[in-house]
Amino acid sequence: MILPIHSSSLATLAILTTVSTWNEFFWPFLIGREESVRVIAVAINAFRTQQQSGVLIGQAWMACTVLGAIPMVALLVFFGRKVVESFQFSGMK
């Protein structure tokens, strides 16, 4: 009985937790030193540091950034309605 009422709030909590975990940088940077276990933020940073003399190729840098943002945009597209419902439910009426 309570779960259907709070489904939009639980979806919002799940999305915010996922985004927070996805944007985590420091802990995976310390732990994941091998290429096979790097998360996308650490891989983008490694790509940035591998460029010659700090000069980045604009198209490659933008491609890395877009690839890193695609999962979060997909979450917003699929669960955006739940987030809006959660905000509407919690607001004053």
PDB file of N, CA and C in Angstrom:
ATOM      1  N   MET A   1       0.816  -1.182   0.000  1.00  0.00           N
ATOM      2  CA  MET A   1       0.000   0.000   0.000  1.00  0.00           C
ATOM      3  C   MET A   1       0.872   1.263   0.000  1.00  0.00           C
ATOM      4  N   ILE A   2       1.946   1.244   0.718  1.00  0.00           N
ATOM      5  CA  ILE A   2       2.802   2.422   0.793  1.00  0.00           C
ATOM      6  C   ILE A   2       3.749   2.501  -0.400  1.00  0.00           C
ATOM      7  N   LEU A   3       4.179   1.368  -0.887  1.00  0.00           N
ATOM      8  CA  LEU A   3       5.148   1.355  -1.989  1.00  0.00           C
ATOM      9  C   LEU A   3       4.633   2.031  -3.262  1.00  0.00           C
ATOM     10  N   PRO A   4       3.397   1.804  -3.706  1.00  0.00           N
ATOM     11  CA  PRO A   4       2.933   2.519  -4.908  1.00  0.00           C
ATOM     12  C   PRO A   4       2.852   4.035  -4.712  1.00  0.00           C
ATOM     13  N   ILE A   5       2.585   4.476  -3.505  1.00  0.00           N
ATOM     14  CA  ILE A   5       2.504   5.914  -3.255  1.00  0.00           C
ATOM     15  C   ILE A   5       3.882   6.560  -3.372  1.00  0.00           C
ATOM     16  N   HIS A   6       4.891   5.851  -2.910  1.00  0.00           N
ATOM     17  CA  HIS A   6       6.239   6.407  -2.874  1.00  0.00           C
ATOM     18  C   HIS A   6       7.112   5.931  -4.034  1.00  0.00           C
ATOM     19  N   SER A   7       6.535   5.399  -5.078  1.00  0.00           N
ATOM     20  CA  SER A   7       7.346   4.889  -6.186  1.00  0.00           C
ATOM     21  C   SER A   7       8.134   5.992  -6.879  1.00  0.00           C
ATOM     22  N   SER A   8       7.528   7.167  -7.053  1.00  0.00           N
ATOM     23  CA  SER A   8       8.254   8.258  -7.699  1.00  0.00           C
ATOM     24  C   SER A   8       9.379   8.774  -6.807  1.00  0.00           C
ATOM     25  N   SER A   9       9.168   8.793  -5.500  1.00  0.00           N
ATOM     26  CA  SER A   9      10.230   9.219  -4.585  1.00  0.00           C
ATOM     27  C   SER A   9      11.376   8.219  -4.587  1.00  0.00           C
ATOM     28  N   LEU A  10      11.053   6.938  -4.610  1.00  0.00           N
ATOM     29  CA  LEU A  10      12.097   5.913  -4.653  1.00  0.00           C
ATOM     30  C   LEU A  10      12.856   5.949  -5.976  1.00  0.00           C
ATOM     31  N   ALA A  11      12.162   6.235  -7.063  1.00  0.00           N
ATOM     32  CA  ALA A  11      12.835   6.354  -8.359  1.00  0.00           C
ATOM     33  C   ALA A  11      13.787   7.545  -8.363  1.00  0.00           C
ATOM     34  N   THR A  12      13.362   8.658  -7.782  1.00  0.00           N
ATOM     35  CA  THR A  12      14.228   9.832  -7.691  1.00  0.00           C
ATOM     36  C   THR A  12      15.451   9.539  -6.843  1.00  0.00           C
ATOM     37  N   LEU A  13      15.257   8.864  -5.725  1.00  0.00           N
ATOM     38  CA  LEU A  13      16.380   8.486  -4.873  1.00  0.00           C
ATOM     39  C   LEU A  13      17.350   7.575  -5.612  1.00  0.00           C
ATOM     40  N   ALA A  14      16.832   6.624  -6.366  1.00  0.00           N
ATOM     41  CA  ALA A  14      17.690   5.720  -7.133  1.00  0.00           C
ATOM     42  C   ALA A  14      18.472   6.476  -8.202  1.00  0.00           C
ATOM     43  N   ILE A  15      17.829   7.417  -8.879  1.00  0.00           N
ATOM     44  CA  ILE A  15      18.503   8.194  -9.917  1.00  0.00           C
ATOM     45  C   ILE A  15      19.593   9.064  -9.313  1.00  0.00           C
ATOM     46  N   LEU A  16      19.289   9.747  -8.206  1.00  0.00           N
ATOM     47  CA  LEU A  16      20.292  10.614  -7.586  1.00  0.00           C
ATOM     48  C   LEU A  16      21.468   9.820  -7.038  1.00  0.00           C
ATOM     49  N   THR A  17      21.211   8.638  -6.501  1.00  0.00           N
ATOM     50  CA  THR A  17      22.288   7.782  -6.024  1.00  0.00           C
ATOM     51  C   THR A  17      23.150   7.295  -7.182  1.00  0.00           C
ATOM     52  N   THR A  18      22.512   6.942  -8.280  1.00  0.00           N
ATOM     53  CA  THR A  18      23.252   6.495  -9.457  1.00  0.00           C
ATOM     54  C   THR A  18      24.117   7.614 -10.021  1.00  0.00           C
ATOM     55  N   VAL A  19      23.589   8.813 -10.108  1.00  0.00           N
ATOM     56  CA  VAL A  19      24.357   9.950 -10.618  1.00  0.00           C
ATOM     57  C   VAL A  19      25.527  10.253  -9.690  1.00  0.00           C
ATOM     58  N   SER A  20      25.290  10.212  -8.393  1.00  0.00           N
ATOM     59  CA  SER A  20      26.364  10.458  -7.430  1.00  0.00           C
ATOM     60  C   SER A  20      27.468   9.417  -7.553  1.00  0.00           C
ATOM     61  N   THR A  21      27.096   8.172  -7.691  1.00  0.00           N
ATOM     62  CA  THR A  21      28.074   7.111  -7.847  1.00  0.00           C
ATOM     63  C   THR A  21      28.802   7.231  -9.178  1.00  0.00           C
ATOM     64  N   TRP A  22      28.077   7.592 -10.222  1.00  0.00           N
ATOM     65  CA  TRP A  22      28.676   7.724 -11.552  1.00  0.00           C
ATOM     66  C   TRP A  22      29.713   8.842 -11.570  1.00  0.00           C
ATOM     67  N   ASN A  23      29.457   9.914 -10.842  1.00  0.00           N
ATOM     68  CA  ASN A  23      30.360  11.063 -10.841  1.00  0.00           C
ATOM     69  C   ASN A  23      31.503  10.931  -9.844  1.00  0.00           C
ATOM     70  N   GLU A  24      31.559   9.856  -9.124  1.00  0.00           N
ATOM     71  CA  GLU A  24      32.638   9.643  -8.162  1.00  0.00           C
ATOM     72  C   GLU A  24      33.969   9.538  -8.906  1.00  0.00           C
ATOM     73  N   PHE A  25      34.972  10.246  -8.427  1.00  0.00           N
ATOM     74  CA  PHE A  25      36.263  10.227  -9.113  1.00  0.00           C
ATOM     75  C   PHE A  25      37.402   9.760  -8.216  1.00  0.00           C
ATOM     76  N   PHE A  26      37.494  10.294  -7.014  1.00  0.00           N
ATOM     77  CA  PHE A  26      38.682  10.101  -6.200  1.00  0.00           C
ATOM     78  C   PHE A  26      38.902   8.644  -5.796  1.00  0.00           C
ATOM     79  N   TRP A  27      37.867   7.979  -5.292  1.00  0.00           N
ATOM     80  CA  TRP A  27      38.032   6.589  -4.852  1.00  0.00           C
ATOM     81  C   TRP A  27      38.388   5.655  -6.017  1.00  0.00           C
ATOM     82  N   PRO A  28      37.675   5.688  -7.145  1.00  0.00           N
ATOM     83  CA  PRO A  28      38.091   4.840  -8.266  1.00  0.00           C
ATOM     84  C   PRO A  28      39.476   5.200  -8.804  1.00  0.00           C
ATOM     85  N   PHE A  29      39.874   6.469  -8.697  1.00  0.00           N
ATOM     86  CA  PHE A  29      41.201   6.876  -9.143  1.00  0.00           C
ATOM     87  C   PHE A  29      42.275   6.240  -8.268  1.00  0.00           C
ATOM     88  N   LEU A  30      42.009   6.134  -6.974  1.00  0.00           N
ATOM     89  CA  LEU A  30      42.982   5.521  -6.068  1.00  0.00           C
ATOM     90  C   LEU A  30      43.051   4.009  -6.232  1.00  0.00           C
ATOM     91  N   ILE A  31      41.912   3.380  -6.428  1.00  0.00           N
ATOM     92  CA  ILE A  31      41.840   1.917  -6.440  1.00  0.00           C
ATOM     93  C   ILE A  31      42.107   1.333  -7.818  1.00  0.00           C
ATOM     94  N   GLY A  32      41.499   1.888  -8.851  1.00  0.00           N
ATOM     95  CA  GLY A  32      41.570   1.283 -10.187  1.00  0.00           C
ATOM     96  C   GLY A  32      42.745   1.764 -10.995  1.00  0.00           C
ATOM     97  N   ARG A  33      43.888   1.203 -10.795  1.00  0.00           N
ATOM     98  CA  ARG A  33      45.079   1.608 -11.549  1.00  0.00           C
ATOM     99  C   ARG A  33      45.212   0.872 -12.876  1.00  0.00           C
ATOM    100  N   GLU A  34      44.575  -0.262 -13.018  1.00  0.00           N
ATOM    101  CA  GLU A  34      44.662  -1.019 -14.265  1.00  0.00           C
ATOM    102  C   GLU A  34      43.631  -0.498 -15.259  1.00  0.00           C
ATOM    103  N   GLU A  35      43.947  -0.590 -16.538  1.00  0.00           N
ATOM    104  CA  GLU A  35      43.041  -0.087 -17.573  1.00  0.00           C
ATOM    105  C   GLU A  35      41.726  -0.856 -17.634  1.00  0.00           C
ATOM    106  N   SER A  36      41.740  -2.119 -17.281  1.00  0.00           N
ATOM    107  CA  SER A  36      40.534  -2.939 -17.412  1.00  0.00           C
ATOM    108  C   SER A  36      39.485  -2.627 -16.344  1.00  0.00           C
ATOM    109  N   VAL A  37      39.843  -1.944 -15.271  1.00  0.00           N
ATOM    110  CA  VAL A  37      38.884  -1.676 -14.195  1.00  0.00           C
ATOM    111  C   VAL A  37      38.620  -0.185 -14.003  1.00  0.00           C
ATOM    112  N   ARG A  38      39.019   0.649 -14.932  1.00  0.00           N
ATOM    113  CA  ARG A  38      38.799   2.085 -14.796  1.00  0.00           C
ATOM    114  C   ARG A  38      37.343   2.443 -15.078  1.00  0.00           C
ATOM    115  N   VAL A  39      36.841   3.393 -14.312  1.00  0.00           N
ATOM    116  CA  VAL A  39      35.523   3.952 -14.604  1.00  0.00           C
ATOM    117  C   VAL A  39      35.721   5.082 -15.615  1.00  0.00           C
ATOM    118  N   ILE A  40      34.633   5.579 -16.178  1.00  0.00           N
ATOM    119  CA  ILE A  40      34.736   6.509 -17.302  1.00  0.00           C
ATOM    120  C   ILE A  40      35.409   7.823 -16.902  1.00  0.00           C
ATOM    121  N   ALA A  41      35.148   8.333 -15.704  1.00  0.00           N
ATOM    122  CA  ALA A  41      35.767   9.595 -15.288  1.00  0.00           C
ATOM    123  C   ALA A  41      37.277   9.448 -15.173  1.00  0.00           C
ATOM    124  N   VAL A  42      37.740   8.336 -14.637  1.00  0.00           N
ATOM    125  CA  VAL A  42      39.182   8.093 -14.515  1.00  0.00           C
ATOM    126  C   VAL A  42      39.791   7.848 -15.892  1.00  0.00           C
ATOM    127  N   ALA A  43      39.069   7.180 -16.765  1.00  0.00           N
ATOM    128  CA  ALA A  43      39.572   6.936 -18.125  1.00  0.00           C
ATOM    129  C   ALA A  43      39.696   8.246 -18.902  1.00  0.00           C
ATOM    130  N   ILE A  44      38.744   9.157 -18.733  1.00  0.00           N
ATOM    131  CA  ILE A  44      38.841  10.459 -19.402  1.00  0.00           C
ATOM    132  C   ILE A  44      40.038  11.236 -18.875  1.00  0.00           C
ATOM    133  N   ASN A  45      40.260  11.174 -17.562  1.00  0.00           N
ATOM    134  CA  ASN A  45      41.416  11.849 -16.982  1.00  0.00           C
ATOM    135  C   ASN A  45      42.714  11.232 -17.500  1.00  0.00           C
ATOM    136  N   ALA A  46      42.767   9.917 -17.620  1.00  0.00           N
ATOM    137  CA  ALA A  46      43.967   9.260 -18.153  1.00  0.00           C
ATOM    138  C   ALA A  46      44.191   9.658 -19.610  1.00  0.00           C
ATOM    139  N   PHE A  47      43.118   9.766 -20.367  1.00  0.00           N
ATOM    140  CA  PHE A  47      43.228  10.205 -21.753  1.00  0.00           C
ATOM    141  C   PHE A  47      43.780  11.626 -21.821  1.00  0.00           C
ATOM    142  N   ARG A  48      43.314  12.475 -20.933  1.00  0.00           N
ATOM    143  CA  ARG A  48      43.766  13.871 -20.899  1.00  0.00           C
ATOM    144  C   ARG A  48      45.250  13.962 -20.582  1.00  0.00           C
ATOM    145  N   THR A  49      45.716  13.138 -19.640  1.00  0.00           N
ATOM    146  CA  THR A  49      47.123  13.207 -19.248  1.00  0.00           C
ATOM    147  C   THR A  49      48.049  12.535 -20.258  1.00  0.00           C
ATOM    148  N   GLN A  50      47.527  11.687 -21.136  1.00  0.00           N
ATOM    149  CA  GLN A  50      48.364  11.019 -22.125  1.00  0.00           C
ATOM    150  C   GLN A  50      48.651  11.875 -23.352  1.00  0.00           C
ATOM    151  N   GLN A  51      47.947  12.979 -23.490  1.00  0.00           N
ATOM    152  CA  GLN A  51      48.166  13.840 -24.648  1.00  0.00           C
ATOM    153  C   GLN A  51      49.544  14.478 -24.562  1.00  0.00           C
ATOM    154  N   GLN A  52      50.148  14.735 -25.688  1.00  0.00           N
ATOM    155  CA  GLN A  52      51.499  15.290 -25.746  1.00  0.00           C
ATOM    156  C   GLN A  52      51.510  16.732 -25.259  1.00  0.00           C
ATOM    157  N   SER A  53      52.346  16.996 -24.311  1.00  0.00           N
ATOM    158  CA  SER A  53      52.582  18.324 -23.734  1.00  0.00           C
ATOM    159  C   SER A  53      51.303  19.028 -23.292  1.00  0.00           C
ATOM    160  N   GLY A  54      50.304  18.288 -22.892  1.00  0.00           N
ATOM    161  CA  GLY A  54      49.083  18.878 -22.374  1.00  0.00           C
ATOM    162  C   GLY A  54      48.161  19.472 -23.412  1.00  0.00           C
ATOM    163  N   VAL A  55      48.500  19.380 -24.684  1.00  0.00           N
ATOM    164  CA  VAL A  55      47.650  19.922 -25.743  1.00  0.00           C
ATOM    165  C   VAL A  55      46.626  18.858 -26.115  1.00  0.00           C
ATOM    166  N   LEU A  56      45.367  19.209 -26.005  1.00  0.00           N
ATOM    167  CA  LEU A  56      44.304  18.247 -26.284  1.00  0.00           C
ATOM    168  C   LEU A  56      43.781  18.430 -27.703  1.00  0.00           C
ATOM    169  N   ILE A  57      43.424  17.355 -28.295  1.00  0.00           N
ATOM    170  CA  ILE A  57      42.742  17.392 -29.574  1.00  0.00           C
ATOM    171  C   ILE A  57      41.262  17.602 -29.256  1.00  0.00           C
ATOM    172  N   GLY A  58      40.706  18.685 -29.768  1.00  0.00           N
ATOM    173  CA  GLY A  58      39.354  19.091 -29.399  1.00  0.00           C
ATOM    174  C   GLY A  58      38.297  18.039 -29.681  1.00  0.00           C
ATOM    175  N   GLN A  59      38.342  17.409 -30.834  1.00  0.00           N
ATOM    176  CA  GLN A  59      37.314  16.440 -31.197  1.00  0.00           C
ATOM    177  C   GLN A  59      37.398  15.199 -30.318  1.00  0.00           C
ATOM    178  N   ALA A  60      38.589  14.739 -30.030  1.00  0.00           N
ATOM    179  CA  ALA A  60      38.741  13.543 -29.195  1.00  0.00           C
ATOM    180  C   ALA A  60      38.309  13.822 -27.766  1.00  0.00           C
ATOM    181  N   TRP A  61      38.640  14.978 -27.261  1.00  0.00           N
ATOM    182  CA  TRP A  61      38.241  15.349 -25.902  1.00  0.00           C
ATOM    183  C   TRP A  61      36.720  15.433 -25.800  1.00  0.00           C
ATOM    184  N   MET A  62      36.085  16.033 -26.793  1.00  0.00           N
ATOM    185  CA  MET A  62      34.629  16.158 -26.785  1.00  0.00           C
ATOM    186  C   MET A  62      33.961  14.801 -26.935  1.00  0.00           C
ATOM    187  N   ALA A  63      34.538  13.904 -27.731  1.00  0.00           N
ATOM    188  CA  ALA A  63      33.980  12.562 -27.880  1.00  0.00           C
ATOM    189  C   ALA A  63      34.022  11.811 -26.556  1.00  0.00           C
ATOM    190  N   CYS A  64      35.107  11.931 -25.825  1.00  0.00           N
ATOM    191  CA  CYS A  64      35.206  11.284 -24.503  1.00  0.00           C
ATOM    192  C   CYS A  64      34.156  11.834 -23.548  1.00  0.00           C
ATOM    193  N   THR A  65      33.977  13.132 -23.572  1.00  0.00           N
ATOM    194  CA  THR A  65      33.012  13.756 -22.680  1.00  0.00           C
ATOM    195  C   THR A  65      31.585  13.328 -23.010  1.00  0.00           C
ATOM    196  N   VAL A  66      31.257  13.276 -24.284  1.00  0.00           N
ATOM    197  CA  VAL A  66      29.916  12.856 -24.697  1.00  0.00           C
ATOM    198  C   VAL A  66      29.670  11.399 -24.315  1.00  0.00           C
ATOM    199  N   LEU A  67      30.657  10.534 -24.525  1.00  0.00           N
ATOM    200  CA  LEU A  67      30.505   9.128 -24.129  1.00  0.00           C
ATOM    201  C   LEU A  67      30.304   8.985 -22.624  1.00  0.00           C
ATOM    202  N   GLY A  68      30.919   9.843 -21.857  1.00  0.00           N
ATOM    203  CA  GLY A  68      30.728   9.807 -20.411  1.00  0.00           C
ATOM    204  C   GLY A  68      29.360  10.305 -19.972  1.00  0.00           C
ATOM    205  N   ALA A  69      28.751  11.172 -20.764  1.00  0.00           N
ATOM    206  CA  ALA A  69      27.462  11.754 -20.401  1.00  0.00           C
ATOM    207  C   ALA A  69      26.267  10.948 -20.898  1.00  0.00           C
ATOM    208  N   ILE A  70      26.464  10.068 -21.857  1.00  0.00           N
ATOM    209  CA  ILE A  70      25.347   9.326 -22.453  1.00  0.00           C
ATOM    210  C   ILE A  70      24.532   8.520 -21.430  1.00  0.00           C
ATOM    211  N   PRO A  71      25.148   7.783 -20.512  1.00  0.00           N
ATOM    212  CA  PRO A  71      24.318   7.029 -19.551  1.00  0.00           C
ATOM    213  C   PRO A  71      23.450   7.913 -18.659  1.00  0.00           C
ATOM    214  N   MET A  72      23.940   9.077 -18.259  1.00  0.00           N
ATOM    215  CA  MET A  72      23.138   9.961 -17.419  1.00  0.00           C
ATOM    216  C   MET A  72      21.997  10.589 -18.208  1.00  0.00           C
ATOM    217  N   VAL A  73      22.223  10.904 -19.454  1.00  0.00           N
ATOM    218  CA  VAL A  73      21.153  11.439 -20.296  1.00  0.00           C
ATOM    219  C   VAL A  73      20.093  10.362 -20.538  1.00  0.00           C
ATOM    220  N   ALA A  74      20.524   9.126 -20.721  1.00  0.00           N
ATOM    221  CA  ALA A  74      19.568   8.025 -20.897  1.00  0.00           C
ATOM    222  C   ALA A  74      18.717   7.837 -19.644  1.00  0.00           C
ATOM    223  N   LEU A  75      19.321   7.938 -18.469  1.00  0.00           N
ATOM    224  CA  LEU A  75      18.541   7.857 -17.225  1.00  0.00           C
ATOM    225  C   LEU A  75      17.514   8.973 -17.151  1.00  0.00           C
ATOM    226  N   LEU A  76      17.906  10.175 -17.532  1.00  0.00           N
ATOM    227  CA  LEU A  76      16.979  11.294 -17.503  1.00  0.00           C
ATOM    228  C   LEU A  76      15.832  11.086 -18.484  1.00  0.00           C
ATOM    229  N   VAL A  77      16.126  10.562 -19.651  1.00  0.00           N
ATOM    230  CA  VAL A  77      15.078  10.342 -20.650  1.00  0.00           C
ATOM    231  C   VAL A  77      14.092   9.272 -20.181  1.00  0.00           C
ATOM    232  N   PHE A  78      14.614   8.171 -19.631  1.00  0.00           N
ATOM    233  CA  PHE A  78      13.737   7.078 -19.239  1.00  0.00           C
ATOM    234  C   PHE A  78      12.980   7.345 -17.940  1.00  0.00           C
ATOM    235  N   PHE A  79      13.609   8.032 -16.996  1.00  0.00           N
ATOM    236  CA  PHE A  79      12.984   8.216 -15.682  1.00  0.00           C
ATOM    237  C   PHE A  79      12.669   9.668 -15.370  1.00  0.00           C
ATOM    238  N   GLY A  80      12.710  10.544 -16.348  1.00  0.00           N
ATOM    239  CA  GLY A  80      12.446  11.958 -16.121  1.00  0.00           C
ATOM    240  C   GLY A  80      11.054  12.229 -15.587  1.00  0.00           C
ATOM    241  N   ARG A  81      10.086  11.484 -16.049  1.00  0.00           N
ATOM    242  CA  ARG A  81       8.717  11.683 -15.587  1.00  0.00           C
ATOM    243  C   ARG A  81       8.582  11.360 -14.106  1.00  0.00           C
ATOM    244  N   LYS A  82       9.273  10.331 -13.655  1.00  0.00           N
ATOM    245  CA  LYS A  82       9.234   9.971 -12.228  1.00  0.00           C
ATOM    246  C   LYS A  82       9.847  11.067 -11.364  1.00  0.00           C
ATOM    247  N   VAL A  83      10.903  11.688 -11.842  1.00  0.00           N
ATOM    248  CA  VAL A  83      11.526  12.765 -11.088  1.00  0.00           C
ATOM    249  C   VAL A  83      10.578  13.951 -10.979  1.00  0.00           C
ATOM    250  N   VAL A  84       9.924  14.309 -12.070  1.00  0.00           N
ATOM    251  CA  VAL A  84       8.983  15.422 -12.056  1.00  0.00           C
ATOM    252  C   VAL A  84       7.810  15.104 -11.139  1.00  0.00           C
ATOM    253  N   GLU A  85       7.301  13.878 -11.179  1.00  0.00           N
ATOM    254  CA  GLU A  85       6.210  13.479 -10.283  1.00  0.00           C
ATOM    255  C   GLU A  85       6.640  13.570  -8.834  1.00  0.00           C
ATOM    256  N   SER A  86       7.855  13.204  -8.541  1.00  0.00           N
ATOM    257  CA  SER A  86       8.362  13.269  -7.175  1.00  0.00           C
ATOM    258  C   SER A  86       8.416  14.714  -6.685  1.00  0.00           C
ATOM    259  N   PHE A  87       8.888  15.615  -7.542  1.00  0.00           N
ATOM    260  CA  PHE A  87       8.936  17.020  -7.150  1.00  0.00           C
ATOM    261  C   PHE A  87       7.531  17.595  -6.987  1.00  0.00           C
ATOM    262  N   GLN A  88       6.604  17.200  -7.830  1.00  0.00           N
ATOM    263  CA  GLN A  88       5.241  17.693  -7.728  1.00  0.00           C
ATOM    264  C   GLN A  88       4.565  17.151  -6.472  1.00  0.00           C
ATOM    265  N   PHE A  89       4.868  15.898  -6.120  1.00  0.00           N
ATOM    266  CA  PHE A  89       4.261  15.286  -4.947  1.00  0.00           C
ATOM    267  C   PHE A  89       4.764  15.914  -3.658  1.00  0.00           C
ATOM    268  N   SER A  90       6.024  16.311  -3.637  1.00  0.00           N
ATOM    269  CA  SER A  90       6.607  16.863  -2.421  1.00  0.00           C
ATOM    270  C   SER A  90       6.323  18.342  -2.250  1.00  0.00           C
ATOM    271  N   GLY A  91       5.856  19.019  -3.293  1.00  0.00           N
ATOM    272  CA  GLY A  91       5.590  20.452  -3.218  1.00  0.00           C
ATOM    273  C   GLY A  91       4.317  20.759  -2.454  1.00  0.00           C
ATOM    274  N   MET A  92       4.159  22.021  -2.125  1.00  0.00           N
ATOM    275  CA  MET A  92       2.946  22.445  -1.413  1.00  0.00           C
ATOM    276  C   MET A  92       1.787  22.556  -2.399  1.00  0.00           C
ATOM    277  N   LYS A  93       0.616  22.266  -1.914  1.00  0.00           N
ATOM    278  CA  LYS A  93      -0.562  22.299  -2.774  1.00  0.00           C
ATOM    279  C   LYS A  93      -1.528  23.363  -2.278  1.00  0.00           C
TER     280      LYS A  93
END
